[in-house]
Amino acid sequence: MTPAQLSRTVLQTVRRAVEADELRVAVLPERVKVQTPPRAGCGDYATNVALQLAREVKGGGSAAALRVAEVLRRRLVRTPGIARVEIAGPGFLNITVDPGGHTALVRGVLERGEAYGHSDALAGTRVTLAPAREVRGALVGVVVGRLVDVCGGEGEVADGGEVLGVRPVEVDAEELLGRLGSDGARWALLRPAAHDLPDLDPGRLLAQRESNALFRVRYAHARVRGLLRNGHQLGVHSSPDGEYGHPAEVALISLLGDYPRLLESAARHRAPDRLARHLEATADAFFRFHDACPPLPRGEQKPSAAHRSRLALAEAAGAVLAGGLHLLGISAPEHL
């Protein structure tokens, strides 16, 4: 079950609870947001929908939120594909999906490759952006148009279009390319939120070390490609048919599952920085998974089903990293 599917499932659960008169709320949400919990051990996904609905319940407050959360918990836990639902804090719902759903998600990523996450969420939507003379505004406009396109909409730059509120930089494109190169320049301009001033220091942006987020993202992709090459030499081929239960596996799968929603959000909010930050989080989760759950045999170990399924998860992470980098116009090298 992907985050988008889970979001629809929770929304349907809310509507059915209202129809059954278990919940009495005047206004129903149009959509339900689910996201990866901030800490391990809190399920695969979390939603604050009970807190939102409690504002519409007579009396409101924390007690109402807990009552709403319990109504939804009882219904959700009976839903196929959901293994466990727990109430946390003032009314958050922490949801653990059936492990079989993890396998299906990894398989789905591998089937679509770099096109994974592309959708028709914005079908019928035309986004016209005003042309920008300044280098950062122009680049953000191009990437936003690309994000709208892969979400099923139509993005274009034309006179009279929407003006993006992007903080400009005091440097022209030629100087920036000479200082940072294409990949470094794009990351520098796209990674910060629109209102933040970009860091254009080559010493930080071009450094091949952990503190450089762009290096971590591109190195994670290169490491995946290296694993696949080494696996081929060892006779270990990726296969998602296995169980993913280790917290590091689940954390990485949750981020992969959230990628389609993230692309839609970045397109709707004209915010390619959201995609860049998601790629950072995915790369960091990949390295934690790589260290905790080695995808290839070590020493005298024999290749096993666990290695094949972990290699498949690594390959899926690589597909998301490559797809996201290419949407930003940044290369995803095989070697780094």
C-alpha atoms as a PDB file:
ATOM      1  CA  MET A   1       0.000   0.000   0.000  1.00  0.00           C
ATOM      2  CA  THR A   2       1.524   3.290  -1.124  1.00  0.00           C
ATOM      3  CA  PRO A   3       1.091   6.564   0.808  1.00  0.00           C
ATOM      4  CA  ALA A   4      -1.354   7.768  -1.865  1.00  0.00           C
ATOM      5  CA  GLN A   5      -3.420   4.596  -1.506  1.00  0.00           C
ATOM      6  CA  LEU A   6      -3.288   4.860   2.284  1.00  0.00           C
ATOM      7  CA  SER A   7      -4.381   8.493   2.116  1.00  0.00           C
ATOM      8  CA  ARG A   8      -7.428   7.500   0.069  1.00  0.00           C
ATOM      9  CA  THR A   9      -8.123   4.595   2.428  1.00  0.00           C
ATOM     10  CA  VAL A  10      -8.093   6.861   5.495  1.00  0.00           C
ATOM     11  CA  LEU A  11     -10.338   9.397   3.747  1.00  0.00           C
ATOM     12  CA  GLN A  12     -12.816   6.659   2.807  1.00  0.00           C
ATOM     13  CA  THR A  13     -12.732   5.440   6.418  1.00  0.00           C
ATOM     14  CA  VAL A  14     -13.599   8.932   7.650  1.00  0.00           C
ATOM     15  CA  ARG A  15     -16.527   9.177   5.235  1.00  0.00           C
ATOM     16  CA  ARG A  16     -17.870   5.754   6.203  1.00  0.00           C
ATOM     17  CA  ALA A  17     -17.634   6.613   9.897  1.00  0.00           C
ATOM     18  CA  VAL A  18     -19.656   9.768   9.230  1.00  0.00           C
ATOM     19  CA  GLU A  19     -22.235   7.852   7.176  1.00  0.00           C
ATOM     20  CA  ALA A  20     -22.559   5.345  10.043  1.00  0.00           C
ATOM     21  CA  ASP A  21     -23.090   8.254  12.471  1.00  0.00           C
ATOM     22  CA  GLU A  22     -19.986   7.287  14.451  1.00  0.00           C
ATOM     23  CA  LEU A  23     -18.543  10.722  13.710  1.00  0.00           C
ATOM     24  CA  ARG A  24     -20.477  13.967  13.493  1.00  0.00           C
ATOM     25  CA  VAL A  25     -18.499  16.617  11.687  1.00  0.00           C
ATOM     26  CA  ALA A  26     -19.772  19.495   9.592  1.00  0.00           C
ATOM     27  CA  VAL A  27     -16.887  19.667   7.127  1.00  0.00           C
ATOM     28  CA  LEU A  28     -15.020  16.687   5.710  1.00  0.00           C
ATOM     29  CA  PRO A  29     -11.440  17.068   4.474  1.00  0.00           C
ATOM     30  CA  GLU A  30     -10.874  16.894   0.709  1.00  0.00           C
ATOM     31  CA  ARG A  31      -7.723  14.840   1.252  1.00  0.00           C
ATOM     32  CA  VAL A  32      -5.809  13.223   4.095  1.00  0.00           C
ATOM     33  CA  LYS A  33      -2.082  13.710   4.508  1.00  0.00           C
ATOM     34  CA  VAL A  34       0.018  10.732   5.569  1.00  0.00           C
ATOM     35  CA  GLN A  35       3.749  10.990   6.128  1.00  0.00           C
ATOM     36  CA  THR A  36       6.709   9.098   7.497  1.00  0.00           C
ATOM     37  CA  PRO A  37       6.799   9.316  11.328  1.00  0.00           C
ATOM     38  CA  PRO A  38       9.662  11.394  12.768  1.00  0.00           C
ATOM     39  CA  ARG A  39      10.972   8.479  14.846  1.00  0.00           C
ATOM     40  CA  ALA A  40      11.532   4.773  14.235  1.00  0.00           C
ATOM     41  CA  GLY A  41       9.123   2.404  15.973  1.00  0.00           C
ATOM     42  CA  CYS A  42       6.080   4.602  15.318  1.00  0.00           C
ATOM     43  CA  GLY A  43       4.665   2.621  12.420  1.00  0.00           C
ATOM     44  CA  ASP A  44       5.217   3.091   8.704  1.00  0.00           C
ATOM     45  CA  TYR A  45       3.039   6.176   8.338  1.00  0.00           C
ATOM     46  CA  ALA A  46       1.342   8.754  10.536  1.00  0.00           C
ATOM     47  CA  THR A  47      -1.635  11.067  10.038  1.00  0.00           C
ATOM     48  CA  ASN A  48      -3.118  13.911  12.072  1.00  0.00           C
ATOM     49  CA  VAL A  49      -6.584  13.586  10.523  1.00  0.00           C
ATOM     50  CA  ALA A  50      -8.187  12.933  13.932  1.00  0.00           C
ATOM     51  CA  LEU A  51      -6.821  16.249  15.213  1.00  0.00           C
ATOM     52  CA  GLN A  52      -8.225  18.004  12.140  1.00  0.00           C
ATOM     53  CA  LEU A  53     -11.646  16.432  12.541  1.00  0.00           C
ATOM     54  CA  ALA A  54     -11.765  17.168  16.273  1.00  0.00           C
ATOM     55  CA  ARG A  55     -11.999  20.883  15.453  1.00  0.00           C
ATOM     56  CA  GLU A  56     -15.366  20.143  13.817  1.00  0.00           C
ATOM     57  CA  VAL A  57     -16.639  18.017  16.701  1.00  0.00           C
ATOM     58  CA  LYS A  58     -18.826  19.650  19.325  1.00  0.00           C
ATOM     59  CA  GLY A  59     -16.696  20.438  22.359  1.00  0.00           C
ATOM     60  CA  GLY A  60     -13.421  19.959  20.452  1.00  0.00           C
ATOM     61  CA  GLY A  61     -10.218  19.702  22.432  1.00  0.00           C
ATOM     62  CA  SER A  62      -7.850  16.824  23.146  1.00  0.00           C
ATOM     63  CA  ALA A  63     -10.565  14.490  24.439  1.00  0.00           C
ATOM     64  CA  ALA A  64     -12.500  14.855  21.172  1.00  0.00           C
ATOM     65  CA  ALA A  65      -9.359  14.146  19.147  1.00  0.00           C
ATOM     66  CA  LEU A  66      -8.750  10.918  21.060  1.00  0.00           C
ATOM     67  CA  ARG A  67     -12.383   9.833  20.555  1.00  0.00           C
ATOM     68  CA  VAL A  68     -12.150  10.485  16.830  1.00  0.00           C
ATOM     69  CA  ALA A  69      -8.817   8.670  16.649  1.00  0.00           C
ATOM     70  CA  GLU A  70     -10.269   5.595  18.370  1.00  0.00           C
ATOM     71  CA  VAL A  71     -13.245   5.480  15.969  1.00  0.00           C
ATOM     72  CA  LEU A  72     -10.901   5.582  12.999  1.00  0.00           C
ATOM     73  CA  ARG A  73      -8.440   3.138  14.576  1.00  0.00           C
ATOM     74  CA  ARG A  74     -11.131   0.475  15.021  1.00  0.00           C
ATOM     75  CA  ARG A  75     -12.163   0.786  11.384  1.00  0.00           C
ATOM     76  CA  LEU A  76      -8.696   1.046   9.857  1.00  0.00           C
ATOM     77  CA  VAL A  77      -7.288  -1.983  11.662  1.00  0.00           C
ATOM     78  CA  ARG A  78      -9.850  -4.158   9.840  1.00  0.00           C
ATOM     79  CA  THR A  79      -8.749  -2.865   6.426  1.00  0.00           C
ATOM     80  CA  PRO A  80      -6.852  -5.307   4.188  1.00  0.00           C
ATOM     81  CA  GLY A  81      -3.232  -4.214   3.804  1.00  0.00           C
ATOM     82  CA  ILE A  82      -3.065  -2.581   7.250  1.00  0.00           C
ATOM     83  CA  ALA A  83      -1.396  -4.627   9.965  1.00  0.00           C
ATOM     84  CA  ARG A  84      -1.595  -2.318  12.977  1.00  0.00           C
ATOM     85  CA  VAL A  85      -2.924   1.112  13.994  1.00  0.00           C
ATOM     86  CA  GLU A  86      -1.911   2.862  17.205  1.00  0.00           C
ATOM     87  CA  ILE A  87      -2.902   6.201  18.728  1.00  0.00           C
ATOM     88  CA  ALA A  88      -0.024   8.426  19.783  1.00  0.00           C
ATOM     89  CA  GLY A  89       0.149  11.705  21.682  1.00  0.00           C
ATOM     90  CA  PRO A  90      -2.933  13.922  21.435  1.00  0.00           C
ATOM     91  CA  GLY A  91      -4.519  11.916  18.623  1.00  0.00           C
ATOM     92  CA  PHE A  92      -2.040  10.995  15.899  1.00  0.00           C
ATOM     93  CA  LEU A  93      -2.673   7.694  14.143  1.00  0.00           C
ATOM     94  CA  ASN A  94       0.457   5.596  13.570  1.00  0.00           C
ATOM     95  CA  ILE A  95      -0.212   3.024  10.851  1.00  0.00           C
ATOM     96  CA  THR A  96       1.809  -0.097  10.074  1.00  0.00           C
ATOM     97  CA  VAL A  97       1.061  -1.665   6.710  1.00  0.00           C
ATOM     98  CA  ASP A  98       1.125  -5.361   5.909  1.00  0.00           C
ATOM     99  CA  PRO A  99       4.708  -6.453   5.071  1.00  0.00           C
ATOM    100  CA  GLY A 100       3.434  -7.807   1.759  1.00  0.00           C
ATOM    101  CA  GLY A 101       2.680  -4.230   0.816  1.00  0.00           C
ATOM    102  CA  HIS A 102       6.373  -3.401   1.106  1.00  0.00           C
ATOM    103  CA  THR A 103       7.206  -6.080  -1.433  1.00  0.00           C
ATOM    104  CA  ALA A 104       4.548  -4.785  -3.814  1.00  0.00           C
ATOM    105  CA  LEU A 105       5.841  -1.228  -3.504  1.00  0.00           C
ATOM    106  CA  VAL A 106       9.452  -2.208  -4.276  1.00  0.00           C
ATOM    107  CA  ARG A 107       8.243  -4.254  -7.242  1.00  0.00           C
ATOM    108  CA  GLY A 108       6.199  -1.291  -8.459  1.00  0.00           C
ATOM    109  CA  VAL A 109       9.211   1.023  -8.337  1.00  0.00           C
ATOM    110  CA  LEU A 110      11.333  -1.462 -10.276  1.00  0.00           C
ATOM    111  CA  GLU A 111       8.640  -1.908 -12.920  1.00  0.00           C
ATOM    112  CA  ARG A 112       8.419   1.815 -13.622  1.00  0.00           C
ATOM    113  CA  GLY A 113      12.055   2.735 -13.078  1.00  0.00           C
ATOM    114  CA  GLU A 114      12.768   6.452 -13.292  1.00  0.00           C
ATOM    115  CA  ALA A 115       9.152   7.038 -14.329  1.00  0.00           C
ATOM    116  CA  TYR A 116       7.987   5.879 -10.887  1.00  0.00           C
ATOM    117  CA  GLY A 117       6.084   8.681  -9.184  1.00  0.00           C
ATOM    118  CA  HIS A 118       4.809  10.191 -12.414  1.00  0.00           C
ATOM    119  CA  SER A 119       1.026  10.409 -12.281  1.00  0.00           C
ATOM    120  CA  ASP A 120      -2.133  12.059 -13.597  1.00  0.00           C
ATOM    121  CA  ALA A 121      -2.744  13.929 -10.332  1.00  0.00           C
ATOM    122  CA  LEU A 122      -2.767  17.280 -12.154  1.00  0.00           C
ATOM    123  CA  ALA A 123      -4.542  16.083 -15.302  1.00  0.00           C
ATOM    124  CA  GLY A 124      -6.464  18.945 -16.869  1.00  0.00           C
ATOM    125  CA  THR A 125      -4.388  21.565 -15.029  1.00  0.00           C
ATOM    126  CA  ARG A 126      -2.520  24.192 -17.046  1.00  0.00           C
ATOM    127  CA  VAL A 127       0.162  26.174 -15.201  1.00  0.00           C
ATOM    128  CA  THR A 128       1.448  29.261 -17.017  1.00  0.00           C
ATOM    129  CA  LEU A 129       4.482  30.923 -15.464  1.00  0.00           C
ATOM    130  CA  ALA A 130       5.763  34.386 -16.279  1.00  0.00           C
ATOM    131  CA  PRO A 131       9.234  34.464 -17.864  1.00  0.00           C
ATOM    132  CA  ALA A 132      11.996  35.497 -15.470  1.00  0.00           C
ATOM    133  CA  ARG A 133      15.095  37.427 -16.501  1.00  0.00           C
ATOM    134  CA  GLU A 134      17.033  36.489 -13.380  1.00  0.00           C
ATOM    135  CA  VAL A 135      18.857  33.120 -13.456  1.00  0.00           C
ATOM    136  CA  ARG A 136      17.338  31.552 -10.338  1.00  0.00           C
ATOM    137  CA  GLY A 137      13.756  32.504 -11.154  1.00  0.00           C
ATOM    138  CA  ALA A 138      14.176  31.228 -14.715  1.00  0.00           C
ATOM    139  CA  LEU A 139      15.561  27.872 -13.551  1.00  0.00           C
ATOM    140  CA  VAL A 140      12.859  27.371 -10.924  1.00  0.00           C
ATOM    141  CA  GLY A 141      10.226  28.106 -13.558  1.00  0.00           C
ATOM    142  CA  VAL A 142      11.624  25.480 -15.938  1.00  0.00           C
ATOM    143  CA  VAL A 143      11.763  22.804 -13.231  1.00  0.00           C
ATOM    144  CA  VAL A 144       8.278  23.631 -11.912  1.00  0.00           C
ATOM    145  CA  GLY A 145       6.939  23.246 -15.449  1.00  0.00           C
ATOM    146  CA  ARG A 146       8.635  19.860 -15.696  1.00  0.00           C
ATOM    147  CA  LEU A 147       7.127  18.755 -12.360  1.00  0.00           C
ATOM    148  CA  VAL A 148       3.661  19.816 -13.495  1.00  0.00           C
ATOM    149  CA  ASP A 149       4.126  17.830 -16.719  1.00  0.00           C
ATOM    150  CA  VAL A 150       5.119  14.573 -14.974  1.00  0.00           C
ATOM    151  CA  CYS A 151       2.067  14.932 -12.734  1.00  0.00           C
ATOM    152  CA  GLY A 152      -0.204  14.958 -15.766  1.00  0.00           C
ATOM    153  CA  GLY A 153      -0.665  18.708 -16.132  1.00  0.00           C
ATOM    154  CA  GLU A 154       0.646  21.206 -18.671  1.00  0.00           C
ATOM    155  CA  GLY A 155       3.366  23.633 -17.657  1.00  0.00           C
ATOM    156  CA  GLU A 156       4.509  26.536 -19.818  1.00  0.00           C
ATOM    157  CA  VAL A 157       6.290  29.860 -19.611  1.00  0.00           C
ATOM    158  CA  ALA A 158       4.471  32.779 -21.233  1.00  0.00           C
ATOM    159  CA  ASP A 159       3.811  36.476 -20.818  1.00  0.00           C
ATOM    160  CA  GLY A 160       1.061  37.232 -18.343  1.00  0.00           C
ATOM    161  CA  GLY A 161       1.654  34.027 -16.395  1.00  0.00           C
ATOM    162  CA  GLU A 162       2.109  33.467 -12.680  1.00  0.00           C
ATOM    163  CA  VAL A 163       5.101  35.247 -11.174  1.00  0.00           C
ATOM    164  CA  LEU A 164       7.140  33.012  -8.899  1.00  0.00           C
ATOM    165  CA  GLY A 165       8.279  34.639  -5.667  1.00  0.00           C
ATOM    166  CA  VAL A 166      11.889  33.499  -5.806  1.00  0.00           C
ATOM    167  CA  ARG A 167      14.684  35.337  -4.026  1.00  0.00           C
ATOM    168  CA  PRO A 168      17.174  36.347  -6.746  1.00  0.00           C
ATOM    169  CA  VAL A 169      20.946  35.885  -6.746  1.00  0.00           C
ATOM    170  CA  GLU A 170      23.410  38.614  -7.656  1.00  0.00           C
ATOM    171  CA  VAL A 171      25.280  36.619 -10.290  1.00  0.00           C
ATOM    172  CA  ASP A 172      24.621  35.793 -13.916  1.00  0.00           C
ATOM    173  CA  ALA A 173      24.315  32.323 -15.435  1.00  0.00           C
ATOM    174  CA  GLU A 174      27.715  32.339 -17.144  1.00  0.00           C
ATOM    175  CA  GLU A 175      29.593  33.240 -13.973  1.00  0.00           C
ATOM    176  CA  LEU A 176      27.619  30.717 -11.942  1.00  0.00           C
ATOM    177  CA  LEU A 177      28.332  27.890 -14.383  1.00  0.00           C
ATOM    178  CA  GLY A 178      32.013  28.756 -14.418  1.00  0.00           C
ATOM    179  CA  ARG A 179      32.130  28.716 -10.638  1.00  0.00           C
ATOM    180  CA  LEU A 180      30.018  25.623  -9.891  1.00  0.00           C
ATOM    181  CA  GLY A 181      29.403  23.709 -13.123  1.00  0.00           C
ATOM    182  CA  SER A 182      25.911  22.762 -14.292  1.00  0.00           C
ATOM    183  CA  ASP A 183      25.078  20.224 -11.563  1.00  0.00           C
ATOM    184  CA  GLY A 184      26.427  22.308  -8.694  1.00  0.00           C
ATOM    185  CA  ALA A 185      24.746  25.468  -9.947  1.00  0.00           C
ATOM    186  CA  ARG A 186      21.364  23.798 -10.334  1.00  0.00           C
ATOM    187  CA  TRP A 187      21.520  22.244  -6.869  1.00  0.00           C
ATOM    188  CA  ALA A 188      22.622  25.556  -5.324  1.00  0.00           C
ATOM    189  CA  LEU A 189      19.660  27.411  -6.845  1.00  0.00           C
ATOM    190  CA  LEU A 190      16.986  24.727  -6.429  1.00  0.00           C
ATOM    191  CA  ARG A 191      17.780  23.232  -2.994  1.00  0.00           C
ATOM    192  CA  PRO A 192      16.890  26.270  -0.808  1.00  0.00           C
ATOM    193  CA  ALA A 193      13.281  27.305  -0.314  1.00  0.00           C
ATOM    194  CA  ALA A 194      12.208  30.161  -2.596  1.00  0.00           C
ATOM    195  CA  HIS A 195      12.591  32.806   0.128  1.00  0.00           C
ATOM    196  CA  ASP A 196      16.051  31.622   1.250  1.00  0.00           C
ATOM    197  CA  LEU A 197      19.314  32.931  -0.174  1.00  0.00           C
ATOM    198  CA  PRO A 198      21.332  30.160  -1.908  1.00  0.00           C
ATOM    199  CA  ASP A 199      24.811  29.175  -0.763  1.00  0.00           C
ATOM    200  CA  LEU A 200      27.101  29.601  -3.784  1.00  0.00           C
ATOM    201  CA  ASP A 201      30.381  28.646  -2.113  1.00  0.00           C
ATOM    202  CA  PRO A 202      32.277  26.183  -4.383  1.00  0.00           C
ATOM    203  CA  GLY A 203      34.206  24.893  -1.378  1.00  0.00           C
ATOM    204  CA  ARG A 204      30.994  23.469   0.053  1.00  0.00           C
ATOM    205  CA  LEU A 205      29.022  22.640  -3.101  1.00  0.00           C
ATOM    206  CA  LEU A 206      31.802  20.817  -4.950  1.00  0.00           C
ATOM    207  CA  ALA A 207      33.369  19.023  -1.984  1.00  0.00           C
ATOM    208  CA  GLN A 208      33.241  15.236  -2.194  1.00  0.00           C
ATOM    209  CA  ARG A 209      32.448  14.660   1.440  1.00  0.00           C
ATOM    210  CA  GLU A 210      29.495  13.779   3.645  1.00  0.00           C
ATOM    211  CA  SER A 211      28.702  17.359   4.586  1.00  0.00           C
ATOM    212  CA  ASN A 212      27.826  18.100   0.941  1.00  0.00           C
ATOM    213  CA  ALA A 213      24.205  17.057   0.365  1.00  0.00           C
ATOM    214  CA  LEU A 214      24.546  16.955  -3.429  1.00  0.00           C
ATOM    215  CA  PHE A 215      27.551  14.649  -3.128  1.00  0.00           C
ATOM    216  CA  ARG A 216      25.608  12.327  -0.778  1.00  0.00           C
ATOM    217  CA  VAL A 217      22.667  12.080  -3.171  1.00  0.00           C
ATOM    218  CA  ARG A 218      24.790  11.422  -6.251  1.00  0.00           C
ATOM    219  CA  TYR A 219      27.108   9.066  -4.381  1.00  0.00           C
ATOM    220  CA  ALA A 220      24.122   7.060  -3.093  1.00  0.00           C
ATOM    221  CA  HIS A 221      23.015   6.538  -6.692  1.00  0.00           C
ATOM    222  CA  ALA A 222      26.535   5.588  -7.796  1.00  0.00           C
ATOM    223  CA  ARG A 223      26.788   3.172  -4.877  1.00  0.00           C
ATOM    224  CA  VAL A 224      23.555   1.464  -5.980  1.00  0.00           C
ATOM    225  CA  ARG A 225      24.936   1.012  -9.475  1.00  0.00           C
ATOM    226  CA  GLY A 226      28.115  -0.428  -8.003  1.00  0.00           C
ATOM    227  CA  LEU A 227      26.115  -2.899  -5.915  1.00  0.00           C
ATOM    228  CA  LEU A 228      24.257  -4.087  -8.998  1.00  0.00           C
ATOM    229  CA  ARG A 229      27.517  -4.565 -10.919  1.00  0.00           C
ATOM    230  CA  ASN A 230      29.103  -6.449  -8.020  1.00  0.00           C
ATOM    231  CA  GLY A 231      25.964  -8.485  -7.523  1.00  0.00           C
ATOM    232  CA  HIS A 232      26.050  -9.561 -11.155  1.00  0.00           C
ATOM    233  CA  GLN A 233      29.631 -10.745 -10.729  1.00  0.00           C
ATOM    234  CA  LEU A 234      28.639 -12.726  -7.616  1.00  0.00           C
ATOM    235  CA  GLY A 235      25.542 -14.192  -9.244  1.00  0.00           C
ATOM    236  CA  VAL A 236      23.214 -12.222  -6.952  1.00  0.00           C
ATOM    237  CA  HIS A 237      20.319 -10.675  -8.878  1.00  0.00           C
ATOM    238  CA  SER A 238      17.752  -8.348  -7.368  1.00  0.00           C
ATOM    239  CA  SER A 239      14.325  -9.761  -6.571  1.00  0.00           C
ATOM    240  CA  PRO A 240      11.713  -8.007  -4.396  1.00  0.00           C
ATOM    241  CA  ASP A 241      10.138 -11.336  -3.398  1.00  0.00           C
ATOM    242  CA  GLY A 242      11.066 -11.346   0.255  1.00  0.00           C
ATOM    243  CA  GLU A 243      10.175  -9.811   3.604  1.00  0.00           C
ATOM    244  CA  TYR A 244      11.150  -6.296   4.564  1.00  0.00           C
ATOM    245  CA  GLY A 245      10.907  -5.952   8.305  1.00  0.00           C
ATOM    246  CA  HIS A 246      14.102  -4.304   9.546  1.00  0.00           C
ATOM    247  CA  PRO A 247      13.510  -0.682  10.653  1.00  0.00           C
ATOM    248  CA  ALA A 248      16.134   0.552   8.177  1.00  0.00           C
ATOM    249  CA  GLU A 249      14.363  -1.256   5.326  1.00  0.00           C
ATOM    250  CA  VAL A 250      10.953   0.055   6.364  1.00  0.00           C
ATOM    251  CA  ALA A 251      12.252   3.623   6.712  1.00  0.00           C
ATOM    252  CA  LEU A 252      13.692   3.564   3.191  1.00  0.00           C
ATOM    253  CA  ILE A 253      10.565   1.953   1.730  1.00  0.00           C
ATOM    254  CA  SER A 254       8.401   4.615   3.385  1.00  0.00           C
ATOM    255  CA  LEU A 255      10.376   7.361   1.655  1.00  0.00           C
ATOM    256  CA  LEU A 256      10.138   5.573  -1.699  1.00  0.00           C
ATOM    257  CA  GLY A 257       6.399   5.176  -1.185  1.00  0.00           C
ATOM    258  CA  ASP A 258       6.031   8.880  -0.396  1.00  0.00           C
ATOM    259  CA  TYR A 259       7.799   9.961  -3.577  1.00  0.00           C
ATOM    260  CA  PRO A 260       4.686  10.230  -5.849  1.00  0.00           C
ATOM    261  CA  ARG A 261       2.926  12.441  -3.300  1.00  0.00           C
ATOM    262  CA  LEU A 262       6.078  14.504  -2.937  1.00  0.00           C
ATOM    263  CA  LEU A 263       6.269  15.169  -6.687  1.00  0.00           C
ATOM    264  CA  GLU A 264       2.657  16.316  -6.721  1.00  0.00           C
ATOM    265  CA  SER A 265       3.258  18.569  -3.719  1.00  0.00           C
ATOM    266  CA  ALA A 266       6.363  20.098  -5.311  1.00  0.00           C
ATOM    267  CA  ALA A 267       4.387  20.795  -8.487  1.00  0.00           C
ATOM    268  CA  ARG A 268       1.331  22.259  -6.737  1.00  0.00           C
ATOM    269  CA  HIS A 269       3.379  24.524  -4.467  1.00  0.00           C
ATOM    270  CA  ARG A 270       5.946  25.502  -7.134  1.00  0.00           C
ATOM    271  CA  ALA A 271       8.610  24.140  -4.801  1.00  0.00           C
ATOM    272  CA  PRO A 272      11.404  22.062  -6.373  1.00  0.00           C
ATOM    273  CA  ASP A 273      13.261  22.436  -3.062  1.00  0.00           C
ATOM    274  CA  ARG A 274      10.845  19.846  -1.641  1.00  0.00           C
ATOM    275  CA  LEU A 275      12.093  17.336  -4.207  1.00  0.00           C
ATOM    276  CA  ALA A 276      15.739  18.134  -3.438  1.00  0.00           C
ATOM    277  CA  ARG A 277      15.185  17.639   0.300  1.00  0.00           C
ATOM    278  CA  HIS A 278      13.354  14.367  -0.334  1.00  0.00           C
ATOM    279  CA  LEU A 279      16.298  13.094  -2.351  1.00  0.00           C
ATOM    280  CA  GLU A 280      18.600  13.991   0.549  1.00  0.00           C
ATOM    281  CA  ALA A 281      16.401  12.068   2.967  1.00  0.00           C
ATOM    282  CA  THR A 282      16.263   9.089   0.595  1.00  0.00           C
ATOM    283  CA  ALA A 283      20.048   9.029   0.175  1.00  0.00           C
ATOM    284  CA  ASP A 284      20.594   9.186   3.944  1.00  0.00           C
ATOM    285  CA  ALA A 285      18.045   6.411   4.518  1.00  0.00           C
ATOM    286  CA  PHE A 286      19.764   4.334   1.828  1.00  0.00           C
ATOM    287  CA  PHE A 287      23.127   4.589   3.562  1.00  0.00           C
ATOM    288  CA  ARG A 288      21.575   3.584   6.904  1.00  0.00           C
ATOM    289  CA  PHE A 289      19.901   0.612   5.198  1.00  0.00           C
ATOM    290  CA  HIS A 290      23.141  -0.289   3.394  1.00  0.00           C
ATOM    291  CA  ASP A 291      25.065  -0.414   6.678  1.00  0.00           C
ATOM    292  CA  ALA A 292      22.394  -2.227   8.696  1.00  0.00           C
ATOM    293  CA  CYS A 293      21.231  -4.677   6.001  1.00  0.00           C
ATOM    294  CA  PRO A 294      24.111  -5.398   3.575  1.00  0.00           C
ATOM    295  CA  PRO A 295      22.652  -6.096   0.119  1.00  0.00           C
ATOM    296  CA  LEU A 296      25.553  -8.396  -0.841  1.00  0.00           C
ATOM    297  CA  PRO A 297      27.213 -11.316   0.982  1.00  0.00           C
ATOM    298  CA  ARG A 298      30.272 -10.494   3.035  1.00  0.00           C
ATOM    299  CA  GLY A 299      33.270 -12.718   3.663  1.00  0.00           C
ATOM    300  CA  GLU A 300      32.304 -16.373   3.512  1.00  0.00           C
ATOM    301  CA  GLN A 301      28.564 -15.704   3.425  1.00  0.00           C
ATOM    302  CA  LYS A 302      26.521 -17.498   0.793  1.00  0.00           C
ATOM    303  CA  PRO A 303      24.058 -15.503  -1.340  1.00  0.00           C
ATOM    304  CA  SER A 304      20.549 -15.748   0.074  1.00  0.00           C
ATOM    305  CA  ALA A 305      16.996 -14.628  -0.615  1.00  0.00           C
ATOM    306  CA  ALA A 306      17.569 -11.778   1.838  1.00  0.00           C
ATOM    307  CA  HIS A 307      20.447 -10.493  -0.283  1.00  0.00           C
ATOM    308  CA  ARG A 308      18.309 -10.605  -3.422  1.00  0.00           C
ATOM    309  CA  SER A 309      15.454  -8.690  -1.811  1.00  0.00           C
ATOM    310  CA  ARG A 310      17.823  -6.106  -0.294  1.00  0.00           C
ATOM    311  CA  LEU A 311      19.497  -5.626  -3.661  1.00  0.00           C
ATOM    312  CA  ALA A 312      16.049  -5.022  -5.155  1.00  0.00           C
ATOM    313  CA  LEU A 313      15.357  -2.378  -2.509  1.00  0.00           C
ATOM    314  CA  ALA A 314      18.705  -0.740  -3.262  1.00  0.00           C
ATOM    315  CA  GLU A 315      17.882  -0.769  -6.976  1.00  0.00           C
ATOM    316  CA  ALA A 316      14.506   0.848  -6.252  1.00  0.00           C
ATOM    317  CA  ALA A 317      16.198   3.575  -4.215  1.00  0.00           C
ATOM    318  CA  GLY A 318      18.591   4.175  -7.102  1.00  0.00           C
ATOM    319  CA  ALA A 319      15.683   4.573  -9.519  1.00  0.00           C
ATOM    320  CA  VAL A 320      14.065   7.230  -7.328  1.00  0.00           C
ATOM    321  CA  LEU A 321      17.358   9.075  -6.838  1.00  0.00           C
ATOM    322  CA  ALA A 322      18.102   9.062 -10.587  1.00  0.00           C
ATOM    323  CA  GLY A 323      14.552  10.062 -11.514  1.00  0.00           C
ATOM    324  CA  GLY A 324      14.511  12.919  -9.025  1.00  0.00           C
ATOM    325  CA  LEU A 325      17.933  14.230 -10.028  1.00  0.00           C
ATOM    326  CA  HIS A 326      16.981  14.193 -13.692  1.00  0.00           C
ATOM    327  CA  LEU A 327      13.794  16.168 -12.946  1.00  0.00           C
ATOM    328  CA  LEU A 328      16.041  18.795 -11.367  1.00  0.00           C
ATOM    329  CA  GLY A 329      18.269  18.672 -14.440  1.00  0.00           C
ATOM    330  CA  ILE A 330      21.175  17.144 -12.505  1.00  0.00           C
ATOM    331  CA  SER A 331      23.178  14.149 -13.679  1.00  0.00           C
ATOM    332  CA  ALA A 332      23.101  10.804 -11.848  1.00  0.00           C
ATOM    333  CA  PRO A 333      26.494   9.214 -12.581  1.00  0.00           C
ATOM    334  CA  GLU A 334      27.206   5.493 -12.581  1.00  0.00           C
ATOM    335  CA  HIS A 335      30.592   6.174 -10.950  1.00  0.00           C
ATOM    336  CA  LEU A 336      31.612   8.937  -8.586  1.00  0.00           C
END
